[in-house]
Amino acid sequence: MDWARAKSILIFIFVLLNLFLSIMMISSFNSDNVSDEAIKNTYKVLEDRGIIVKCDIPVYNKQIGTLISSNTLLDKDLIIKGFFGDEKYTERNSNESTVADCGNRKLLISKVNTFVYSNSNPQETIDFADSKRVQNYLVNLFKRLNVPFENFYFDSMEDLPDSKRRYVFREKKDGFWLYSNYVDIIIAKDGITYLKYNNKNVDEITKGQKIMPAYQILIKNLINNSGMVIKEINIGFGEQNIGKDTKVLDDLPVWRVILQKDEKIEERYFKVYNGEEVKLNVK
């Protein structure tokens, strides 16, 4: 038997089968239901592409609109006092922001939505052993600063060099993640070295449009990702990065896919209407 010829024929059949399954699943976009068969086929196609799925593939397939938000006004004096207390500090103001310095500590406070705190030499006696204790600390801190935090939930944790650890908390609205409303905090052995707060007020979600289900997003976009592990898939809204001077108050509905290869973890975001990958303001 000509094994080389037989091998080539088998590879050709395998490629055709993979292509056929992909076309069948993408063409089912006009259906409102996500079948068990479509999900099973997706696992198979991704496995054939060298991608391991270690989570459920969501079957959510309802209409979604965009998220309308308004700016969160920040009280810079209250924020400065919350971090520096009654200690002396220097302050520099511009049209868009305030910079305040107090020894090793620094605050950059925008007029709306965002402030960043850093400390190059923290000396705090606070127990940050897990995400719950970090969240409890943030609840008390943001209450003093008079900034919203009620609907924020733990999203992720990452170990960093020098025994540091990063925690990310994000807001949720009606079960949807708000990826661009977040608190990003880095904690060392002796306290907080970095904290960024970014949040807009949620006003409403507009009238919905038909979306691409998650399995179609995966089939369309995860092609040359052999060796990747899909750890999590969820849906929410995020602010698109489209330019430094462009102000956007509408957050796009997106699918988020969290991938890991070796020790590296990455988050990728895809528009729910057409599957196009998009960069968001998420950190």
Protein backbone atom coordinates (compact mmCIF):
# COMPACT_ATOMS: atom_id res chain seq x y z
CA MET A 1 0.00 0.00 0.00
CA ASP A 2 1.23 3.52 -0.83
CA TRP A 3 1.20 4.90 2.74
CA ALA A 4 2.31 8.38 1.68
CA ARG A 5 -0.62 8.63 -0.74
CA ALA A 6 -3.07 7.26 1.85
CA LYS A 7 -1.80 9.77 4.43
CA SER A 8 -2.30 12.65 2.01
CA ILE A 9 -5.86 11.51 1.28
CA LEU A 10 -6.67 11.27 5.00
CA ILE A 11 -5.30 14.76 5.65
CA PHE A 12 -7.35 16.13 2.74
CA ILE A 13 -10.53 14.49 4.08
CA PHE A 14 -9.82 15.85 7.56
CA VAL A 15 -9.40 19.41 6.24
CA LEU A 16 -12.63 19.15 4.23
CA LEU A 17 -14.53 17.84 7.27
CA ASN A 18 -13.20 20.65 9.46
CA LEU A 19 -14.15 23.22 6.83
CA PHE A 20 -17.63 21.70 6.41
CA LEU A 21 -18.32 21.81 10.17
CA SER A 22 -17.17 25.42 10.35
CA ILE A 23 -19.38 26.50 7.46
CA MET A 24 -22.38 24.66 8.89
CA MET A 25 -22.03 26.38 12.26
CA ILE A 26 -21.47 29.86 10.86
CA SER A 27 -24.40 29.47 8.48
CA SER A 28 -26.68 28.64 11.41
CA PHE A 29 -26.45 32.32 12.49
CA ASN A 30 -30.04 32.87 11.31
CA SER A 31 -31.31 30.43 13.94
CA ASP A 32 -32.38 31.74 17.36
CA ASN A 33 -31.50 28.48 19.11
CA VAL A 34 -28.06 27.12 19.94
CA SER A 35 -28.23 23.34 19.63
CA ASP A 36 -26.27 20.80 21.64
CA GLU A 37 -24.90 19.49 18.35
CA ALA A 38 -23.48 22.91 17.45
CA ILE A 39 -21.69 23.10 20.80
CA LYS A 40 -20.33 19.54 20.49
CA ASN A 41 -19.09 20.24 16.98
CA THR A 42 -17.38 23.40 18.21
CA TYR A 43 -15.45 21.45 20.83
CA LYS A 44 -14.43 19.02 18.08
CA VAL A 45 -13.32 21.70 15.61
CA LEU A 46 -11.29 23.52 18.28
CA GLU A 47 -9.71 20.26 19.44
CA ASP A 48 -8.70 19.52 15.83
CA ARG A 49 -7.09 22.98 15.75
CA GLY A 50 -5.04 22.14 18.84
CA ILE A 51 -7.16 24.26 21.20
CA ILE A 52 -8.36 22.87 24.53
CA VAL A 53 -11.61 24.20 25.99
CA LYS A 54 -11.70 23.99 29.80
CA CYS A 55 -14.99 25.79 30.34
CA ASP A 56 -18.58 25.72 29.17
CA ILE A 57 -19.35 27.46 25.88
CA PRO A 58 -22.23 29.89 26.64
CA VAL A 59 -25.46 29.36 24.69
CA TYR A 60 -26.69 32.93 25.25
CA ASN A 61 -28.29 34.10 21.98
CA LYS A 62 -30.62 36.99 22.84
CA GLN A 63 -30.62 40.47 21.34
CA ILE A 64 -28.33 43.05 22.97
CA GLY A 65 -27.99 46.82 22.51
CA THR A 66 -25.19 49.19 23.53
CA LEU A 67 -24.64 50.52 27.04
CA ILE A 68 -25.23 54.24 27.54
CA SER A 69 -23.19 55.81 30.36
CA SER A 70 -22.49 59.22 31.84
CA ASN A 71 -19.39 60.57 33.56
CA THR A 72 -18.69 59.94 37.24
CA LEU A 73 -17.71 63.21 38.93
CA LEU A 74 -14.78 62.90 41.34
CA ASP A 75 -14.10 65.00 44.44
CA LYS A 76 -10.33 65.46 44.28
CA ASP A 77 -10.05 66.92 47.78
CA LEU A 78 -11.88 63.96 49.29
CA ILE A 79 -9.71 61.50 47.34
CA ILE A 80 -6.48 63.23 48.39
CA LYS A 81 -7.55 63.23 52.04
CA GLY A 82 -8.58 59.58 51.78
CA PHE A 83 -5.06 58.54 50.76
CA PHE A 84 -2.85 61.17 52.41
CA GLY A 85 -4.87 62.01 55.52
CA ASP A 86 -3.71 65.29 57.08
CA GLU A 87 -0.12 65.00 55.84
CA LYS A 88 1.39 67.79 53.76
CA TYR A 89 1.42 67.32 49.99
CA THR A 90 2.10 69.23 46.78
CA GLU A 91 -0.56 69.70 44.15
CA ARG A 92 -0.43 70.57 40.44
CA ASN A 93 -3.60 71.23 38.48
CA SER A 94 -4.46 71.29 34.77
CA ASN A 95 -7.71 71.51 32.83
CA GLU A 96 -8.11 67.73 32.78
CA SER A 97 -6.49 66.44 35.97
CA THR A 98 -4.75 66.97 39.30
CA VAL A 99 -1.42 65.50 40.39
CA ALA A 100 -0.75 65.30 44.13
CA ASP A 101 2.51 64.07 45.73
CA CYS A 102 3.13 63.09 49.34
CA GLY A 103 6.54 61.48 49.88
CA ASN A 104 6.58 58.09 48.14
CA ARG A 105 2.86 58.36 47.35
CA LYS A 106 1.32 59.92 44.26
CA LEU A 107 -2.20 60.55 43.00
CA LEU A 108 -3.30 61.35 39.45
CA ILE A 109 -6.95 62.39 39.54
CA SER A 110 -8.92 63.09 36.37
CA LYS A 111 -11.90 65.45 36.43
CA VAL A 112 -14.19 62.48 35.78
CA ASN A 113 -14.22 58.67 35.96
CA THR A 114 -10.57 57.86 36.78
CA PHE A 115 -7.91 58.21 39.43
CA VAL A 116 -4.59 56.39 39.93
CA TYR A 117 -2.70 55.95 43.20
CA SER A 118 0.88 54.68 43.51
CA ASN A 119 3.26 54.10 46.41
CA SER A 120 6.87 53.10 45.83
CA ASN A 121 7.44 52.18 49.49
CA PRO A 122 4.22 51.03 51.19
CA GLN A 123 4.30 50.41 54.95
CA GLU A 124 0.81 49.18 55.77
CA THR A 125 -0.32 46.52 58.19
CA ILE A 126 -3.32 45.31 56.22
CA ASP A 127 -4.25 41.66 55.67
CA PHE A 128 -4.55 41.13 51.89
CA ALA A 129 -4.47 37.34 52.01
CA ASP A 130 -7.30 36.78 49.49
CA SER A 131 -9.70 38.56 47.14
CA LYS A 132 -12.47 38.78 49.74
CA ARG A 133 -10.30 40.71 52.17
CA VAL A 134 -9.08 42.98 49.38
CA GLN A 135 -12.66 43.65 48.37
CA ASN A 136 -13.68 44.46 51.95
CA TYR A 137 -10.78 46.92 52.18
CA LEU A 138 -11.88 48.58 48.94
CA VAL A 139 -15.50 48.83 50.11
CA ASN A 140 -14.39 50.87 53.14
CA LEU A 141 -11.88 52.93 51.16
CA PHE A 142 -14.27 53.94 48.39
CA LYS A 143 -17.00 54.75 50.90
CA ARG A 144 -14.64 57.35 52.37
CA LEU A 145 -13.82 58.66 48.89
CA ASN A 146 -17.52 58.82 47.94
CA VAL A 147 -17.05 56.84 44.70
CA PRO A 148 -19.33 53.96 43.59
CA PHE A 149 -18.24 50.38 44.26
CA GLU A 150 -21.46 48.61 45.26
CA ASN A 151 -21.85 46.47 42.14
CA PHE A 152 -18.19 45.52 41.65
CA TYR A 153 -17.15 41.87 41.82
CA PHE A 154 -13.87 39.98 41.86
CA ASP A 155 -12.80 39.20 38.29
CA SER A 156 -9.19 37.98 38.28
CA MET A 157 -5.97 37.53 40.24
CA GLU A 158 -2.41 37.37 38.90
CA ASP A 159 0.87 36.64 40.67
CA LEU A 160 3.59 39.15 39.75
CA PRO A 161 7.38 39.28 40.31
CA ASP A 162 8.76 40.31 43.72
CA SER A 163 5.92 38.51 45.54
CA LYS A 164 3.37 41.06 44.34
CA ARG A 165 -0.18 40.16 43.39
CA ARG A 166 -2.67 41.91 41.10
CA TYR A 167 -6.43 41.82 41.71
CA VAL A 168 -9.02 43.13 39.26
CA PHE A 169 -12.61 43.91 40.21
CA ARG A 170 -15.26 44.87 37.65
CA GLU A 171 -18.82 46.08 37.78
CA LYS A 172 -21.80 43.98 36.73
CA LYS A 173 -25.15 45.16 35.37
CA ASP A 174 -28.07 42.74 34.98
CA GLY A 175 -25.65 39.82 34.82
CA PHE A 176 -23.36 41.45 32.22
CA TRP A 177 -19.75 42.31 32.97
CA LEU A 178 -18.84 45.98 32.48
CA TYR A 179 -15.24 45.45 31.44
CA SER A 180 -14.29 49.14 31.38
CA ASN A 181 -15.63 49.81 34.89
CA TYR A 182 -12.84 48.35 36.97
CA VAL A 183 -10.51 48.59 39.92
CA ASP A 184 -6.96 47.36 39.22
CA ILE A 185 -4.91 46.97 42.39
CA ILE A 186 -1.35 45.66 42.92
CA ILE A 187 -0.36 44.59 46.43
CA ALA A 188 3.11 43.91 47.79
CA LYS A 189 4.06 42.32 51.10
CA ASP A 190 3.80 45.65 52.92
CA GLY A 191 0.78 47.16 51.20
CA ILE A 192 -0.65 48.71 48.05
CA THR A 193 1.83 49.82 45.38
CA TYR A 194 -0.72 50.68 42.68
CA LEU A 195 -4.46 51.26 42.44
CA LYS A 196 -6.47 52.44 39.46
CA TYR A 197 -10.17 53.23 39.64
CA ASN A 198 -12.11 53.66 36.38
CA ASN A 199 -15.89 53.92 36.38
CA LYS A 200 -18.73 55.57 34.44
CA ASN A 201 -22.34 55.79 35.61
CA VAL A 202 -24.60 53.27 33.89
CA ASP A 203 -27.71 54.92 32.41
CA GLU A 204 -29.40 52.40 30.12
CA ILE A 205 -29.00 49.61 27.59
CA THR A 206 -30.40 50.53 24.17
CA LYS A 207 -32.76 48.45 22.04
CA GLY A 208 -31.11 45.19 21.08
CA GLN A 209 -29.79 43.66 17.87
CA LYS A 210 -29.18 40.03 16.96
CA ILE A 211 -25.82 38.69 18.12
CA MET A 212 -23.40 35.97 17.11
CA PRO A 213 -23.41 33.20 19.73
CA ALA A 214 -20.14 32.42 21.46
CA TYR A 215 -19.47 29.20 19.52
CA GLN A 216 -19.54 31.10 16.22
CA ILE A 217 -17.10 33.67 17.62
CA LEU A 218 -14.69 30.86 18.53
CA ILE A 219 -14.94 29.11 15.16
CA LYS A 220 -14.45 32.36 13.26
CA ASN A 221 -11.50 33.76 15.23
CA LEU A 222 -9.52 30.97 16.92
CA ILE A 223 -7.79 29.45 13.91
CA ASN A 224 -4.01 29.66 14.35
CA ASN A 225 -3.96 29.23 18.13
CA SER A 226 -2.67 25.70 18.57
CA GLY A 227 -1.54 25.01 22.13
CA MET A 228 -3.96 27.51 23.64
CA VAL A 229 -6.34 26.67 26.49
CA ILE A 230 -9.67 28.49 26.71
CA LYS A 231 -10.22 29.12 30.43
CA GLU A 232 -13.37 31.24 30.39
CA ILE A 233 -15.93 32.83 28.04
CA ASN A 234 -18.36 35.52 29.10
CA ILE A 235 -20.33 38.45 27.73
CA GLY A 236 -20.53 42.11 28.68
CA PHE A 237 -19.86 45.69 27.60
CA GLY A 238 -16.66 47.65 27.12
CA GLU A 239 -15.34 51.03 26.00
CA GLN A 240 -13.48 50.78 22.70
CA ASN A 241 -9.99 52.26 22.39
CA ILE A 242 -10.30 54.54 19.36
CA GLY A 243 -8.00 57.46 20.13
CA LYS A 244 -6.70 59.55 22.99
CA ASP A 245 -8.83 62.61 22.23
CA THR A 246 -12.03 60.75 21.34
CA LYS A 247 -14.73 60.69 23.98
CA VAL A 248 -17.10 57.70 23.87
CA LEU A 249 -19.96 57.16 26.30
CA ASP A 250 -21.48 54.12 24.54
CA ASP A 251 -19.95 50.77 25.53
CA LEU A 252 -20.01 47.97 22.96
CA PRO A 253 -21.45 44.53 23.72
CA VAL A 254 -18.61 42.00 23.41
CA TRP A 255 -17.71 38.40 24.04
CA ARG A 256 -14.61 37.99 26.21
CA VAL A 257 -12.44 34.90 25.72
CA ILE A 258 -9.71 34.24 28.31
CA LEU A 259 -6.86 32.16 26.90
CA GLN A 260 -3.75 30.65 28.40
CA LYS A 261 -0.59 29.24 26.86
CA ASP A 262 2.07 28.04 29.30
CA GLU A 263 2.05 30.73 32.03
CA LYS A 264 0.80 33.56 29.83
CA ILE A 265 -2.87 34.56 30.11
CA GLU A 266 -4.52 36.91 27.64
CA GLU A 267 -8.00 38.35 27.28
CA ARG A 268 -9.48 38.85 23.81
CA TYR A 269 -12.67 40.74 23.05
CA PHE A 270 -14.99 40.30 20.05
CA LYS A 271 -17.98 42.38 18.98
CA VAL A 272 -21.16 40.36 19.46
CA TYR A 273 -22.73 41.59 16.20
CA ASN A 274 -20.08 40.46 13.70
CA GLY A 275 -17.30 38.70 15.63
CA GLU A 276 -14.71 41.39 14.87
CA GLU A 277 -11.91 41.54 17.43
CA VAL A 278 -11.69 44.86 19.27
CA LYS A 279 -9.36 46.54 21.77
CA LEU A 280 -11.04 47.87 24.91
CA ASN A 281 -10.13 50.15 27.78
CA VAL A 282 -9.93 47.41 30.40
CA LYS A 283 -6.76 48.30 32.38
